[in-house]
C-alpha atoms as a PDB file:
ATOM      1  CA  MET A   1      15.464 -11.515   0.474  1.00  0.00           C
ATOM      2  CA  ILE A   2      11.681 -11.598   1.093  1.00  0.00           C
ATOM      3  CA  LYS A   3      12.011  -9.632   4.275  1.00  0.00           C
ATOM      4  CA  GLU A   4      14.082  -6.945   2.489  1.00  0.00           C
ATOM      5  CA  ILE A   5      11.438  -6.669  -0.218  1.00  0.00           C
ATOM      6  CA  ASN A   6       8.698  -6.344   2.457  1.00  0.00           C
ATOM      7  CA  VAL A   7      10.633  -3.590   4.187  1.00  0.00           C
ATOM      8  CA  ILE A   8      11.017  -1.726   0.911  1.00  0.00           C
ATOM      9  CA  ASN A   9       7.349  -2.133   0.116  1.00  0.00           C
ATOM     10  CA  TYR A  10       6.358  -1.000   3.601  1.00  0.00           C
ATOM     11  CA  TYR A  11       8.639   2.042   3.344  1.00  0.00           C
ATOM     12  CA  PHE A  12       7.175   2.931  -0.076  1.00  0.00           C
ATOM     13  CA  CYS A  13       3.588   2.567   1.174  1.00  0.00           C
ATOM     14  CA  ALA A  14       4.354   4.654   4.229  1.00  0.00           C
ATOM     15  CA  LYS A  15       5.842   7.428   2.013  1.00  0.00           C
ATOM     16  CA  PHE A  16       2.934   7.145  -0.380  1.00  0.00           C
ATOM     17  CA  PHE A  17       0.431   7.364   2.496  1.00  0.00           C
ATOM     18  CA  ILE A  18       2.143  10.400   3.975  1.00  0.00           C
ATOM     19  CA  PHE A  19       2.229  12.322   0.651  1.00  0.00           C
ATOM     20  CA  HIS A  20      -1.003  10.987  -0.909  1.00  0.00           C
ATOM     21  CA  PRO A  21      -3.414   9.844   1.810  1.00  0.00           C
ATOM     22  CA  ILE A  22      -6.486  10.164  -0.462  1.00  0.00           C
ATOM     23  CA  LEU A  23      -4.955   8.122  -3.268  1.00  0.00           C
ATOM     24  CA  TYR A  24      -3.716   5.601  -0.749  1.00  0.00           C
ATOM     25  CA  ASN A  25      -7.192   5.158   0.750  1.00  0.00           C
ATOM     26  CA  LYS A  26      -8.740   4.778  -2.715  1.00  0.00           C
ATOM     27  CA  SER A  27      -6.187   2.199  -3.838  1.00  0.00           C
ATOM     28  CA  ARG A  28      -6.590   0.328  -0.534  1.00  0.00           C
ATOM     29  CA  LEU A  29     -10.357   0.186  -1.036  1.00  0.00           C
ATOM     30  CA  ILE A  30      -9.872  -1.140  -4.570  1.00  0.00           C
ATOM     31  CA  ILE A  31      -7.444  -3.837  -3.258  1.00  0.00           C
ATOM     32  CA  ILE A  32      -9.936  -4.825  -0.518  1.00  0.00           C
ATOM     33  CA  LYS A  33     -12.688  -5.141  -3.141  1.00  0.00           C
ATOM     34  CA  LEU A  34     -10.509  -7.293  -5.378  1.00  0.00           C
ATOM     35  CA  LEU A  35      -9.608  -9.539  -2.432  1.00  0.00           C
ATOM     36  CA  ASN A  36     -13.263  -9.970  -1.554  1.00  0.00           C
ATOM     37  CA  TYR A  37     -14.107 -11.323  -5.008  1.00  0.00           C
END
């Protein structure tokens, strides 16, 4: 169950990265900032 969800999330992120690299990079930076706090 968890593995299937991870695969779906990975596939979605890969598609998102391919079609929207700039937005993906921005969202990744925001996530990194949130994790640092």
